[in-house]
Amino acid sequence: AAAGFAFALAARGQVKTAHTLYIQHDFTAAEYGRPYLPGLHAAGIDARTLIYLNVPRAEDVLWAMGEALKCRGFTAVIAEFPAQTRVLDLTMTRRLALAAQDGGALGLILRHGRDIEPNAATTRWLVSSAPSTPDAFGGLGRPTFHLDLVKNRFGQCGQWRVEWQSHE
């Protein structure tokens, strides 16, 4: 659900002249799987603008994310870390936030697990799937998320249930 939500956010900012970079640690690729391109396309995400990078160490994910956020060729950079990683401290996340401000890209960090150390992120979301409303024929409905904004530096927190509608 978190990866789907991250890709949905990235799709909102897509432009034809820039790309989305998805950086995935080896362990998370083995544990949770890789992005399914036909599914991303069905969700309205242009898979032709997606660049996928698989790296063996969490430090490599950090380095690649920092460099990509500085580059104006990306509208979004999504980095997925394993649950037990301890490289995302206040200093490193502050560097990533500054790189995102300089480059103008959206930086999203995916973590699997609730026990997350303090960081300099602007917002923190807990994302889970929610039951969808069946379509007119009783089949699968639109992807639905339960969103819990637990940290927001510039506003209030809250909870929402949202449906992803790629055409709207």
Foldseek 3Di string as FASTA:
>chain_A
DVVVVQQLVQLVQDDPQAAEEEEEEPVCCVVPNDDDVVVSVVLQHDCVRYDYHYDHDPVVLLVVLLVVLQALRHQEYEYEDEQPDDPAAAVSQVSSVVSNVNNVHHYHYHYDDDDDYDYDDQWDKDKDWDQADAPPVRHHHFTKIWIWTPHHNPDDTDIDIDGRDNVD
